[in-house]
Every structure is written in C-alpha cells, then in structure tokens.
Amino acid sequence: PWTKKNPFLSMFLSGANVASGRARGLWTQ
C-alpha cells in the first residue's frame, strides 16, 4: 500500500508546485 499511487497527493503536490512557481516568479520580478 505504500507504493500505490495516490491521486489526492498528486493533485496536492501539483498545486503546491504551481503556487511555489508563482511565488518564485514574483520574487524574481
């Protein structure tokens, strides 16, 4: 069960990646 794919975790990490990318872009600007 620890190696099984988790769609909710995948969505959460995708959203976190988008948010961190936007924050990095604003900081660089």
mmCIF file of all heavy atoms, coordinates in Angstrom:
data_MODEL
# 
_entry.id   MODEL 
# 
loop_
_atom_site.group_PDB 
_atom_site.id 
_atom_site.type_symbol 
_atom_site.label_atom_id 
_atom_site.label_alt_id 
_atom_site.label_comp_id 
_atom_site.label_asym_id 
_atom_site.label_entity_id 
_atom_site.label_seq_id 
_atom_site.pdbx_PDB_ins_code 
_atom_site.Cartn_x 
_atom_site.Cartn_y 
_atom_site.Cartn_z 
_atom_site.occupancy 
_atom_site.B_iso_or_equiv 
_atom_site.pdbx_formal_charge 
_atom_site.auth_seq_id 
_atom_site.auth_comp_id 
_atom_site.auth_asym_id 
_atom_site.auth_atom_id 
_atom_site.pdbx_PDB_model_num 
ATOM 1   N N   . PRO A 1 1  ? 0.810  -1.229 0.000   1.00 0.00 ? 1  PRO A N   1 
ATOM 2   C CA  . PRO A 1 1  ? 0.000  0.000  0.000   1.00 0.00 ? 1  PRO A CA  1 
ATOM 3   C C   . PRO A 1 1  ? 0.838  1.271  0.000   1.00 0.00 ? 1  PRO A C   1 
ATOM 4   O O   . PRO A 1 1  ? 0.357  2.341  -0.389  1.00 0.00 ? 1  PRO A O   1 
ATOM 5   C CB  . PRO A 1 1  ? -0.830 -0.116 1.274   1.00 0.00 ? 1  PRO A CB  1 
ATOM 6   C CG  . PRO A 1 1  ? -0.097 -1.061 2.141   1.00 0.00 ? 1  PRO A CG  1 
ATOM 7   C CD  . PRO A 1 1  ? 0.662  -1.992 1.225   1.00 0.00 ? 1  PRO A CD  1 
ATOM 8   N N   . TRP A 1 2  ? 2.106  1.215  0.398   1.00 0.00 ? 2  TRP A N   1 
ATOM 9   C CA  . TRP A 1 2  ? 2.952  2.403  0.439   1.00 0.00 ? 2  TRP A CA  1 
ATOM 10  C C   . TRP A 1 2  ? 3.443  2.807  -0.935  1.00 0.00 ? 2  TRP A C   1 
ATOM 11  O O   . TRP A 1 2  ? 3.819  3.955  -1.157  1.00 0.00 ? 2  TRP A O   1 
ATOM 12  C CB  . TRP A 1 2  ? 4.146  2.170  1.365   1.00 0.00 ? 2  TRP A CB  1 
ATOM 13  C CG  . TRP A 1 2  ? 3.720  1.996  2.788   1.00 0.00 ? 2  TRP A CG  1 
ATOM 14  C CD1 . TRP A 1 2  ? 3.691  0.834  3.475   1.00 0.00 ? 2  TRP A CD1 1 
ATOM 15  C CD2 . TRP A 1 2  ? 3.233  2.995  3.661   1.00 0.00 ? 2  TRP A CD2 1 
ATOM 16  N NE1 . TRP A 1 2  ? 3.217  1.031  4.740   1.00 0.00 ? 2  TRP A NE1 1 
ATOM 17  C CE2 . TRP A 1 2  ? 2.930  2.365  4.888   1.00 0.00 ? 2  TRP A CE2 1 
ATOM 18  C CE3 . TRP A 1 2  ? 3.000  4.360  3.546   1.00 0.00 ? 2  TRP A CE3 1 
ATOM 19  C CZ2 . TRP A 1 2  ? 2.418  3.062  5.975   1.00 0.00 ? 2  TRP A CZ2 1 
ATOM 20  C CZ3 . TRP A 1 2  ? 2.510  5.038  4.636   1.00 0.00 ? 2  TRP A CZ3 1 
ATOM 21  C CH2 . TRP A 1 2  ? 2.218  4.397  5.836   1.00 0.00 ? 2  TRP A CH2 1 
ATOM 22  N N   . THR A 1 3  ? 3.450  1.880  -1.890  1.00 0.00 ? 3  THR A N   1 
ATOM 23  C CA  . THR A 1 3  ? 3.916  2.197  -3.243  1.00 0.00 ? 3  THR A CA  1 
ATOM 24  C C   . THR A 1 3  ? 2.753  2.426  -4.198  1.00 0.00 ? 3  THR A C   1 
ATOM 25  O O   . THR A 1 3  ? 2.965  2.662  -5.377  1.00 0.00 ? 3  THR A O   1 
ATOM 26  C CB  . THR A 1 3  ? 4.790  1.053  -3.774  1.00 0.00 ? 3  THR A CB  1 
ATOM 27  O OG1 . THR A 1 3  ? 4.032  -0.158 -3.788  1.00 0.00 ? 3  THR A OG1 1 
ATOM 28  C CG2 . THR A 1 3  ? 6.039  0.885  -2.932  1.00 0.00 ? 3  THR A CG2 1 
ATOM 29  N N   . LYS A 1 4  ? 1.539  2.345  -3.693  1.00 0.00 ? 4  LYS A N   1 
ATOM 30  C CA  . LYS A 1 4  ? 0.354  2.554  -4.521  1.00 0.00 ? 4  LYS A CA  1 
ATOM 31  C C   . LYS A 1 4  ? 0.213  4.045  -4.852  1.00 0.00 ? 4  LYS A C   1 
ATOM 32  O O   . LYS A 1 4  ? 0.530  4.908  -4.040  1.00 0.00 ? 4  LYS A O   1 
ATOM 33  C CB  . LYS A 1 4  ? -0.873 2.066  -3.754  1.00 0.00 ? 4  LYS A CB  1 
ATOM 34  C CG  . LYS A 1 4  ? -2.101 1.910  -4.587  1.00 0.00 ? 4  LYS A CG  1 
ATOM 35  C CD  . LYS A 1 4  ? -3.199 1.277  -3.743  1.00 0.00 ? 4  LYS A CD  1 
ATOM 36  C CE  . LYS A 1 4  ? -4.442 1.100  -4.574  1.00 0.00 ? 4  LYS A CE  1 
ATOM 37  N NZ  . LYS A 1 4  ? -5.536 0.537  -3.777  1.00 0.00 ? 4  LYS A NZ  1 
ATOM 38  N N   . LYS A 1 5  ? -0.263 4.343  -6.060  1.00 0.00 ? 5  LYS A N   1 
ATOM 39  C CA  . LYS A 1 5  ? -0.442 5.737  -6.470  1.00 0.00 ? 5  LYS A CA  1 
ATOM 40  C C   . LYS A 1 5  ? -1.589 6.374  -5.692  1.00 0.00 ? 5  LYS A C   1 
ATOM 41  O O   . LYS A 1 5  ? -2.622 5.756  -5.455  1.00 0.00 ? 5  LYS A O   1 
ATOM 42  C CB  . LYS A 1 5  ? -0.734 5.821  -7.966  1.00 0.00 ? 5  LYS A CB  1 
ATOM 43  C CG  . LYS A 1 5  ? 0.444  5.456  -8.826  1.00 0.00 ? 5  LYS A CG  1 
ATOM 44  C CD  . LYS A 1 5  ? 0.128  5.664  -10.288 1.00 0.00 ? 5  LYS A CD  1 
ATOM 45  C CE  . LYS A 1 5  ? 1.311  5.311  -11.137 1.00 0.00 ? 5  LYS A CE  1 
ATOM 46  N NZ  . LYS A 1 5  ? 1.029  5.490  -12.563 1.00 0.00 ? 5  LYS A NZ  1 
ATOM 47  N N   . ASN A 1 6  ? -1.386 7.637  -5.310  1.00 0.00 ? 6  ASN A N   1 
ATOM 48  C CA  . ASN A 1 6  ? -2.389 8.375  -4.555  1.00 0.00 ? 6  ASN A CA  1 
ATOM 49  C C   . ASN A 1 6  ? -2.761 9.616  -5.360  1.00 0.00 ? 6  ASN A C   1 
ATOM 50  O O   . ASN A 1 6  ? -1.989 10.579 -5.434  1.00 0.00 ? 6  ASN A O   1 
ATOM 51  C CB  . ASN A 1 6  ? -1.825 8.756  -3.186  1.00 0.00 ? 6  ASN A CB  1 
ATOM 52  C CG  . ASN A 1 6  ? -2.855 9.412  -2.299  1.00 0.00 ? 6  ASN A CG  1 
ATOM 53  O OD1 . ASN A 1 6  ? -3.921 9.773  -2.752  1.00 0.00 ? 6  ASN A OD1 1 
ATOM 54  N ND2 . ASN A 1 6  ? -2.526 9.561  -1.033  1.00 0.00 ? 6  ASN A ND2 1 
ATOM 55  N N   . PRO A 1 7  ? -3.949 9.652  -5.974  1.00 0.00 ? 7  PRO A N   1 
ATOM 56  C CA  . PRO A 1 7  ? -4.314 10.805 -6.816  1.00 0.00 ? 7  PRO A CA  1 
ATOM 57  C C   . PRO A 1 7  ? -4.480 12.093 -6.013  1.00 0.00 ? 7  PRO A C   1 
ATOM 58  O O   . PRO A 1 7  ? -4.196 13.175 -6.511  1.00 0.00 ? 7  PRO A O   1 
ATOM 59  C CB  . PRO A 1 7  ? -5.629 10.382 -7.467  1.00 0.00 ? 7  PRO A CB  1 
ATOM 60  C CG  . PRO A 1 7  ? -6.168 9.299  -6.607  1.00 0.00 ? 7  PRO A CG  1 
ATOM 61  C CD  . PRO A 1 7  ? -4.985 8.626  -5.973  1.00 0.00 ? 7  PRO A CD  1 
ATOM 62  N N   . PHE A 1 8  ? -4.908 12.001 -4.768  1.00 0.00 ? 8  PHE A N   1 
ATOM 63  C CA  . PHE A 1 8  ? -5.086 13.216 -3.964  1.00 0.00 ? 8  PHE A CA  1 
ATOM 64  C C   . PHE A 1 8  ? -3.741 13.850 -3.617  1.00 0.00 ? 8  PHE A C   1 
ATOM 65  O O   . PHE A 1 8  ? -3.583 15.068 -3.667  1.00 0.00 ? 8  PHE A O   1 
ATOM 66  C CB  . PHE A 1 8  ? -5.876 12.900 -2.693  1.00 0.00 ? 8  PHE A CB  1 
ATOM 67  C CG  . PHE A 1 8  ? -7.259 12.405 -2.976  1.00 0.00 ? 8  PHE A CG  1 
ATOM 68  C CD1 . PHE A 1 8  ? -7.599 11.093 -2.732  1.00 0.00 ? 8  PHE A CD1 1 
ATOM 69  C CD2 . PHE A 1 8  ? -8.218 13.252 -3.516  1.00 0.00 ? 8  PHE A CD2 1 
ATOM 70  C CE1 . PHE A 1 8  ? -8.870 10.633 -3.015  1.00 0.00 ? 8  PHE A CE1 1 
ATOM 71  C CE2 . PHE A 1 8  ? -9.489 12.804 -3.805  1.00 0.00 ? 8  PHE A CE2 1 
ATOM 72  C CZ  . PHE A 1 8  ? -9.823 11.481 -3.550  1.00 0.00 ? 8  PHE A CZ  1 
ATOM 73  N N   . LEU A 1 9  ? -2.770 13.023 -3.303  1.00 0.00 ? 9  LEU A N   1 
ATOM 74  C CA  . LEU A 1 9  ? -1.436 13.538 -3.023  1.00 0.00 ? 9  LEU A CA  1 
ATOM 75  C C   . LEU A 1 9  ? -0.827 14.142 -4.287  1.00 0.00 ? 9  LEU A C   1 
ATOM 76  O O   . LEU A 1 9  ? -0.168 15.190 -4.232  1.00 0.00 ? 9  LEU A O   1 
ATOM 77  C CB  . LEU A 1 9  ? -0.538 12.424 -2.483  1.00 0.00 ? 9  LEU A CB  1 
ATOM 78  C CG  . LEU A 1 9  ? 0.886  12.829 -2.120  1.00 0.00 ? 9  LEU A CG  1 
ATOM 79  C CD1 . LEU A 1 9  ? 0.866  13.871 -1.006  1.00 0.00 ? 9  LEU A CD1 1 
ATOM 80  C CD2 . LEU A 1 9  ? 1.695  11.620 -1.716  1.00 0.00 ? 9  LEU A CD2 1 
ATOM 81  N N   . SER A 1 10 ? -1.079 13.511 -5.413  1.00 0.00 ? 10 SER A N   1 
ATOM 82  C CA  . SER A 1 10 ? -0.567 14.033 -6.680  1.00 0.00 ? 10 SER A CA  1 
ATOM 83  C C   . SER A 1 10 ? -1.158 15.408 -6.983  1.00 0.00 ? 10 SER A C   1 
ATOM 84  O O   . SER A 1 10 ? -0.448 16.331 -7.391  1.00 0.00 ? 10 SER A O   1 
ATOM 85  C CB  . SER A 1 10 ? -0.899 13.059 -7.805  1.00 0.00 ? 10 SER A CB  1 
ATOM 86  O OG  . SER A 1 10 ? -0.458 13.555 -9.033  1.00 0.00 ? 10 SER A OG  1 
ATOM 87  N N   . MET A 1 11 ? -2.471 15.562 -6.772  1.00 0.00 ? 11 MET A N   1 
ATOM 88  C CA  . MET A 1 11 ? -3.112 16.866 -7.006  1.00 0.00 ? 11 MET A CA  1 
ATOM 89  C C   . MET A 1 11 ? -2.583 17.920 -6.038  1.00 0.00 ? 11 MET A C   1 
ATOM 90  O O   . MET A 1 11 ? -2.351 19.069 -6.414  1.00 0.00 ? 11 MET A O   1 
ATOM 91  C CB  . MET A 1 11 ? -4.630 16.746 -6.884  1.00 0.00 ? 11 MET A CB  1 
ATOM 92  C CG  . MET A 1 11 ? -5.282 16.008 -8.030  1.00 0.00 ? 11 MET A CG  1 
ATOM 93  S SD  . MET A 1 11 ? -7.089 16.088 -8.015  1.00 0.00 ? 11 MET A SD  1 
ATOM 94  C CE  . MET A 1 11 ? -7.474 15.267 -6.483  1.00 0.00 ? 11 MET A CE  1 
ATOM 95  N N   . PHE A 1 12 ? -2.403 17.525 -4.778  1.00 0.00 ? 12 PHE A N   1 
ATOM 96  C CA  . PHE A 1 12 ? -1.888 18.459 -3.780  1.00 0.00 ? 12 PHE A CA  1 
ATOM 97  C C   . PHE A 1 12 ? -0.484 18.929 -4.153  1.00 0.00 ? 12 PHE A C   1 
ATOM 98  O O   . PHE A 1 12 ? -0.183 20.129 -4.098  1.00 0.00 ? 12 PHE A O   1 
ATOM 99  C CB  . PHE A 1 12 ? -1.870 17.802 -2.407  1.00 0.00 ? 12 PHE A CB  1 
ATOM 100 C CG  . PHE A 1 12 ? -1.220 18.650 -1.350  1.00 0.00 ? 12 PHE A CG  1 
ATOM 101 C CD1 . PHE A 1 12 ? -1.901 19.717 -0.788  1.00 0.00 ? 12 PHE A CD1 1 
ATOM 102 C CD2 . PHE A 1 12 ? 0.079  18.399 -0.950  1.00 0.00 ? 12 PHE A CD2 1 
ATOM 103 C CE1 . PHE A 1 12 ? -1.305 20.505 0.169   1.00 0.00 ? 12 PHE A CE1 1 
ATOM 104 C CE2 . PHE A 1 12 ? 0.684  19.186 0.017   1.00 0.00 ? 12 PHE A CE2 1 
ATOM 105 C CZ  . PHE A 1 12 ? 0.000  20.244 0.573   1.00 0.00 ? 12 PHE A CZ  1 
ATOM 106 N N   . LEU A 1 13 ? 0.373  18.009 -4.553  1.00 0.00 ? 13 LEU A N   1 
ATOM 107 C CA  . LEU A 1 13 ? 1.743  18.381 -4.913  1.00 0.00 ? 13 LEU A CA  1 
ATOM 108 C C   . LEU A 1 13 ? 1.780  19.228 -6.185  1.00 0.00 ? 13 LEU A C   1 
ATOM 109 O O   . LEU A 1 13 ? 2.607  20.134 -6.302  1.00 0.00 ? 13 LEU A O   1 
ATOM 110 C CB  . LEU A 1 13 ? 2.607  17.131 -5.067  1.00 0.00 ? 13 LEU A CB  1 
ATOM 111 C CG  . LEU A 1 13 ? 2.911  16.391 -3.765  1.00 0.00 ? 13 LEU A CG  1 
ATOM 112 C CD1 . LEU A 1 13 ? 3.689  15.125 -4.059  1.00 0.00 ? 13 LEU A CD1 1 
ATOM 113 C CD2 . LEU A 1 13 ? 3.671  17.281 -2.808  1.00 0.00 ? 13 LEU A CD2 1 
ATOM 114 N N   . SER A 1 14 ? 0.888  18.953 -7.123  1.00 0.00 ? 14 SER A N   1 
ATOM 115 C CA  . SER A 1 14 ? 0.824  19.777 -8.324  1.00 0.00 ? 14 SER A CA  1 
ATOM 116 C C   . SER A 1 14 ? 0.423  21.208 -7.981  1.00 0.00 ? 14 SER A C   1 
ATOM 117 O O   . SER A 1 14 ? 0.997  22.176 -8.495  1.00 0.00 ? 14 SER A O   1 
ATOM 118 C CB  . SER A 1 14 ? -0.171 19.188 -9.321  1.00 0.00 ? 14 SER A CB  1 
ATOM 119 O OG  . SER A 1 14 ? 0.275  17.955 -9.800  1.00 0.00 ? 14 SER A OG  1 
ATOM 120 N N   . GLY A 1 15 ? -0.570 21.353 -7.108  1.00 0.00 ? 15 GLY A N   1 
ATOM 121 C CA  . GLY A 1 15 ? -0.990 22.689 -6.681  1.00 0.00 ? 15 GLY A CA  1 
ATOM 122 C C   . GLY A 1 15 ? 0.102  23.413 -5.921  1.00 0.00 ? 15 GLY A C   1 
ATOM 123 O O   . GLY A 1 15 ? 0.313  24.617 -6.092  1.00 0.00 ? 15 GLY A O   1 
ATOM 124 N N   . ALA A 1 16 ? 0.815  22.682 -5.069  1.00 0.00 ? 16 ALA A N   1 
ATOM 125 C CA  . ALA A 1 16 ? 1.910  23.294 -4.317  1.00 0.00 ? 16 ALA A CA  1 
ATOM 126 C C   . ALA A 1 16 ? 3.029  23.735 -5.258  1.00 0.00 ? 16 ALA A C   1 
ATOM 127 O O   . ALA A 1 16 ? 3.645  24.783 -5.058  1.00 0.00 ? 16 ALA A O   1 
ATOM 128 C CB  . ALA A 1 16 ? 2.453  22.305 -3.291  1.00 0.00 ? 16 ALA A CB  1 
ATOM 129 N N   . ASN A 1 17 ? 3.284  22.952 -6.300  1.00 0.00 ? 17 ASN A N   1 
ATOM 130 C CA  . ASN A 1 17 ? 4.309  23.311 -7.278  1.00 0.00 ? 17 ASN A CA  1 
ATOM 131 C C   . ASN A 1 17 ? 3.919  24.572 -8.041  1.00 0.00 ? 17 ASN A C   1 
ATOM 132 O O   . ASN A 1 17 ? 4.754  25.448 -8.291  1.00 0.00 ? 17 ASN A O   1 
ATOM 133 C CB  . ASN A 1 17 ? 4.541  22.142 -8.233  1.00 0.00 ? 17 ASN A CB  1 
ATOM 134 C CG  . ASN A 1 17 ? 5.765  22.340 -9.082  1.00 0.00 ? 17 ASN A CG  1 
ATOM 135 O OD1 . ASN A 1 17 ? 6.652  23.094 -8.727  1.00 0.00 ? 17 ASN A OD1 1 
ATOM 136 N ND2 . ASN A 1 17 ? 5.810  21.658 -10.208 1.00 0.00 ? 17 ASN A ND2 1 
ATOM 137 N N   . VAL A 1 18 ? 2.656  24.690 -8.403  1.00 0.00 ? 18 VAL A N   1 
ATOM 138 C CA  . VAL A 1 18 ? 2.178  25.896 -9.096  1.00 0.00 ? 18 VAL A CA  1 
ATOM 139 C C   . VAL A 1 18 ? 2.319  27.120 -8.194  1.00 0.00 ? 18 VAL A C   1 
ATOM 140 O O   . VAL A 1 18 ? 2.797  28.180 -8.630  1.00 0.00 ? 18 VAL A O   1 
ATOM 141 C CB  . VAL A 1 18 ? 0.705  25.706 -9.552  1.00 0.00 ? 18 VAL A CB  1 
ATOM 142 C CG1 . VAL A 1 18 ? 0.109  27.027 -10.002 1.00 0.00 ? 18 VAL A CG1 1 
ATOM 143 C CG2 . VAL A 1 18 ? 0.623  24.687 -10.659 1.00 0.00 ? 18 VAL A CG2 1 
ATOM 144 N N   . ALA A 1 19 ? 1.915  26.977 -6.943  1.00 0.00 ? 19 ALA A N   1 
ATOM 145 C CA  . ALA A 1 19 ? 1.997  28.107 -6.015  1.00 0.00 ? 19 ALA A CA  1 
ATOM 146 C C   . ALA A 1 19 ? 3.443  28.530 -5.783  1.00 0.00 ? 19 ALA A C   1 
ATOM 147 O O   . ALA A 1 19 ? 3.751  29.733 -5.762  1.00 0.00 ? 19 ALA A O   1 
ATOM 148 C CB  . ALA A 1 19 ? 1.341  27.737 -4.686  1.00 0.00 ? 19 ALA A CB  1 
ATOM 149 N N   . SER A 1 20 ? 4.333  27.579 -5.627  1.00 0.00 ? 20 SER A N   1 
ATOM 150 C CA  . SER A 1 20 ? 5.737  27.936 -5.402  1.00 0.00 ? 20 SER A CA  1 
ATOM 151 C C   . SER A 1 20 ? 6.349  28.551 -6.655  1.00 0.00 ? 20 SER A C   1 
ATOM 152 O O   . SER A 1 20 ? 7.192  29.441 -6.560  1.00 0.00 ? 20 SER A O   1 
ATOM 153 C CB  . SER A 1 20 ? 6.534  26.712 -4.950  1.00 0.00 ? 20 SER A CB  1 
ATOM 154 O OG  . SER A 1 20 ? 6.586  25.752 -5.984  1.00 0.00 ? 20 SER A OG  1 
ATOM 155 N N   . GLY A 1 21 ? 5.929  28.107 -7.826  1.00 0.00 ? 21 GLY A N   1 
ATOM 156 C CA  . GLY A 1 21 ? 6.422  28.706 -9.068  1.00 0.00 ? 21 GLY A CA  1 
ATOM 157 C C   . GLY A 1 21 ? 5.985  30.153 -9.211  1.00 0.00 ? 21 GLY A C   1 
ATOM 158 O O   . GLY A 1 21 ? 6.765  31.010 -9.627  1.00 0.00 ? 21 GLY A O   1 
ATOM 159 N N   . ARG A 1 22 ? 4.750  30.426 -8.863  1.00 0.00 ? 22 ARG A N   1 
ATOM 160 C CA  . ARG A 1 22 ? 4.254  31.812 -8.929  1.00 0.00 ? 22 ARG A CA  1 
ATOM 161 C C   . ARG A 1 22 ? 4.975  32.697 -7.925  1.00 0.00 ? 22 ARG A C   1 
ATOM 162 O O   . ARG A 1 22 ? 5.337  33.837 -8.224  1.00 0.00 ? 22 ARG A O   1 
ATOM 163 C CB  . ARG A 1 22 ? 2.756  31.852 -8.677  1.00 0.00 ? 22 ARG A CB  1 
ATOM 164 C CG  . ARG A 1 22 ? 1.946  31.322 -9.829  1.00 0.00 ? 22 ARG A CG  1 
ATOM 165 C CD  . ARG A 1 22 ? 0.469  31.401 -9.541  1.00 0.00 ? 22 ARG A CD  1 
ATOM 166 N NE  . ARG A 1 22 ? -0.292 30.815 -10.638 1.00 0.00 ? 22 ARG A NE  1 
ATOM 167 C CZ  . ARG A 1 22 ? -1.574 30.541 -10.585 1.00 0.00 ? 22 ARG A CZ  1 
ATOM 168 N NH1 . ARG A 1 22 ? -2.256 30.808 -9.494  1.00 0.00 ? 22 ARG A NH1 1 
ATOM 169 N NH2 . ARG A 1 22 ? -2.183 30.005 -11.617 1.00 0.00 ? 22 ARG A NH2 1 
ATOM 170 N N   . ALA A 1 23 ? 5.174  32.178 -6.722  1.00 0.00 ? 23 ALA A N   1 
ATOM 171 C CA  . ALA A 1 23 ? 5.873  32.959 -5.700  1.00 0.00 ? 23 ALA A CA  1 
ATOM 172 C C   . ALA A 1 23 ? 7.306  33.238 -6.130  1.00 0.00 ? 23 ALA A C   1 
ATOM 173 O O   . ALA A 1 23 ? 7.812  34.351 -5.945  1.00 0.00 ? 23 ALA A O   1 
ATOM 174 C CB  . ALA A 1 23 ? 5.857  32.203 -4.367  1.00 0.00 ? 23 ALA A CB  1 
ATOM 175 N N   . ARG A 1 24 ? 7.969  32.243 -6.710  1.00 0.00 ? 24 ARG A N   1 
ATOM 176 C CA  . ARG A 1 24 ? 9.338  32.447 -7.174  1.00 0.00 ? 24 ARG A CA  1 
ATOM 177 C C   . ARG A 1 24 ? 9.373  33.486 -8.297  1.00 0.00 ? 24 ARG A C   1 
ATOM 178 O O   . ARG A 1 24 ? 10.265 34.328 -8.354  1.00 0.00 ? 24 ARG A O   1 
ATOM 179 C CB  . ARG A 1 24 ? 9.933  31.123 -7.661  1.00 0.00 ? 24 ARG A CB  1 
ATOM 180 C CG  . ARG A 1 24 ? 11.417 31.233 -7.991  1.00 0.00 ? 24 ARG A CG  1 
ATOM 181 C CD  . ARG A 1 24 ? 11.931 29.975 -8.645  1.00 0.00 ? 24 ARG A CD  1 
ATOM 182 N NE  . ARG A 1 24 ? 11.339 29.866 -9.978  1.00 0.00 ? 24 ARG A NE  1 
ATOM 183 C CZ  . ARG A 1 24 ? 10.929 28.726 -10.523 1.00 0.00 ? 24 ARG A CZ  1 
ATOM 184 N NH1 . ARG A 1 24 ? 11.011 27.612 -9.875  1.00 0.00 ? 24 ARG A NH1 1 
ATOM 185 N NH2 . ARG A 1 24 ? 10.410 28.728 -11.729 1.00 0.00 ? 24 ARG A NH2 1 
ATOM 186 N N   . GLY A 1 25 ? 8.378  33.455 -9.179  1.00 0.00 ? 25 GLY A N   1 
ATOM 187 C CA  . GLY A 1 25 ? 8.315  34.434 -10.262 1.00 0.00 ? 25 GLY A CA  1 
ATOM 188 C C   . GLY A 1 25 ? 8.133  35.852 -9.744  1.00 0.00 ? 25 GLY A C   1 
ATOM 189 O O   . GLY A 1 25 ? 8.783  36.787 -10.220 1.00 0.00 ? 25 GLY A O   1 
ATOM 190 N N   . LEU A 1 26 ? 7.252  36.016 -8.770  1.00 0.00 ? 26 LEU A N   1 
ATOM 191 C CA  . LEU A 1 26 ? 7.042  37.352 -8.195  1.00 0.00 ? 26 LEU A CA  1 
ATOM 192 C C   . LEU A 1 26 ? 8.287  37.843 -7.469  1.00 0.00 ? 26 LEU A C   1 
ATOM 193 O O   . LEU A 1 26 ? 8.644  39.020 -7.556  1.00 0.00 ? 26 LEU A O   1 
ATOM 194 C CB  . LEU A 1 26 ? 5.843  37.332 -7.252  1.00 0.00 ? 26 LEU A CB  1 
ATOM 195 C CG  . LEU A 1 26 ? 4.478  37.170 -7.910  1.00 0.00 ? 26 LEU A CG  1 
ATOM 196 C CD1 . LEU A 1 26 ? 3.393  37.010 -6.853  1.00 0.00 ? 26 LEU A CD1 1 
ATOM 197 C CD2 . LEU A 1 26 ? 4.170  38.353 -8.815  1.00 0.00 ? 26 LEU A CD2 1 
ATOM 198 N N   . TRP A 1 27 ? 8.946  36.940 -6.751  1.00 0.00 ? 27 TRP A N   1 
ATOM 199 C CA  . TRP A 1 27 ? 10.160 37.303 -6.030  1.00 0.00 ? 27 TRP A CA  1 
ATOM 200 C C   . TRP A 1 27 ? 11.256 37.719 -7.005  1.00 0.00 ? 27 TRP A C   1 
ATOM 201 O O   . TRP A 1 27 ? 11.954 38.724 -6.791  1.00 0.00 ? 27 TRP A O   1 
ATOM 202 C CB  . TRP A 1 27 ? 10.622 36.124 -5.179  1.00 0.00 ? 27 TRP A CB  1 
ATOM 203 C CG  . TRP A 1 27 ? 11.854 36.401 -4.406  1.00 0.00 ? 27 TRP A CG  1 
ATOM 204 C CD1 . TRP A 1 27 ? 11.947 37.107 -3.245  1.00 0.00 ? 27 TRP A CD1 1 
ATOM 205 C CD2 . TRP A 1 27 ? 13.182 36.003 -4.740  1.00 0.00 ? 27 TRP A CD2 1 
ATOM 206 N NE1 . TRP A 1 27 ? 13.263 37.156 -2.843  1.00 0.00 ? 27 TRP A NE1 1 
ATOM 207 C CE2 . TRP A 1 27 ? 14.045 36.481 -3.747  1.00 0.00 ? 27 TRP A CE2 1 
ATOM 208 C CE3 . TRP A 1 27 ? 13.727 35.278 -5.795  1.00 0.00 ? 27 TRP A CE3 1 
ATOM 209 C CZ2 . TRP A 1 27 ? 15.402 36.265 -3.777  1.00 0.00 ? 27 TRP A CZ2 1 
ATOM 210 C CZ3 . TRP A 1 27 ? 15.089 35.057 -5.816  1.00 0.00 ? 27 TRP A CZ3 1 
ATOM 211 C CH2 . TRP A 1 27 ? 15.904 35.550 -4.810  1.00 0.00 ? 27 TRP A CH2 1 
ATOM 212 N N   . THR A 1 28 ? 11.401 36.980 -8.095  1.00 0.00 ? 28 THR A N   1 
ATOM 213 C CA  . THR A 1 28 ? 12.416 37.313 -9.097  1.00 0.00 ? 28 THR A CA  1 
ATOM 214 C C   . THR A 1 28 ? 12.105 38.649 -9.760  1.00 0.00 ? 28 THR A C   1 
ATOM 215 O O   . THR A 1 28 ? 13.003 39.466 -9.981  1.00 0.00 ? 28 THR A O   1 
ATOM 216 C CB  . THR A 1 28 ? 12.481 36.205 -10.163 1.00 0.00 ? 28 THR A CB  1 
ATOM 217 O OG1 . THR A 1 28 ? 12.726 34.961 -9.519  1.00 0.00 ? 28 THR A OG1 1 
ATOM 218 C CG2 . THR A 1 28 ? 13.565 36.474 -11.184 1.00 0.00 ? 28 THR A CG2 1 
ATOM 219 N N   . GLN A 1 29 ? 10.838 38.888 -10.052 1.00 0.00 ? 29 GLN A N   1 
ATOM 220 C CA  . GLN A 1 29 ? 10.436 40.150 -10.664 1.00 0.00 ? 29 GLN A CA  1 
ATOM 221 C C   . GLN A 1 29 ? 10.753 41.326 -9.744  1.00 0.00 ? 29 GLN A C   1 
ATOM 222 O O   . GLN A 1 29 ? 11.289 42.350 -10.190 1.00 0.00 ? 29 GLN A O   1 
ATOM 223 C CB  . GLN A 1 29 ? 8.939  40.114 -10.970 1.00 0.00 ? 29 GLN A CB  1 
ATOM 224 C CG  . GLN A 1 29 ? 8.392  41.378 -11.590 1.00 0.00 ? 29 GLN A CG  1 
ATOM 225 C CD  . GLN A 1 29 ? 6.893  41.319 -11.748 1.00 0.00 ? 29 GLN A CD  1 
ATOM 226 O OE1 . GLN A 1 29 ? 6.215  40.482 -11.151 1.00 0.00 ? 29 GLN A OE1 1 
ATOM 227 N NE2 . GLN A 1 29 ? 6.347  42.218 -12.535 1.00 0.00 ? 29 GLN A NE2 1 
# 
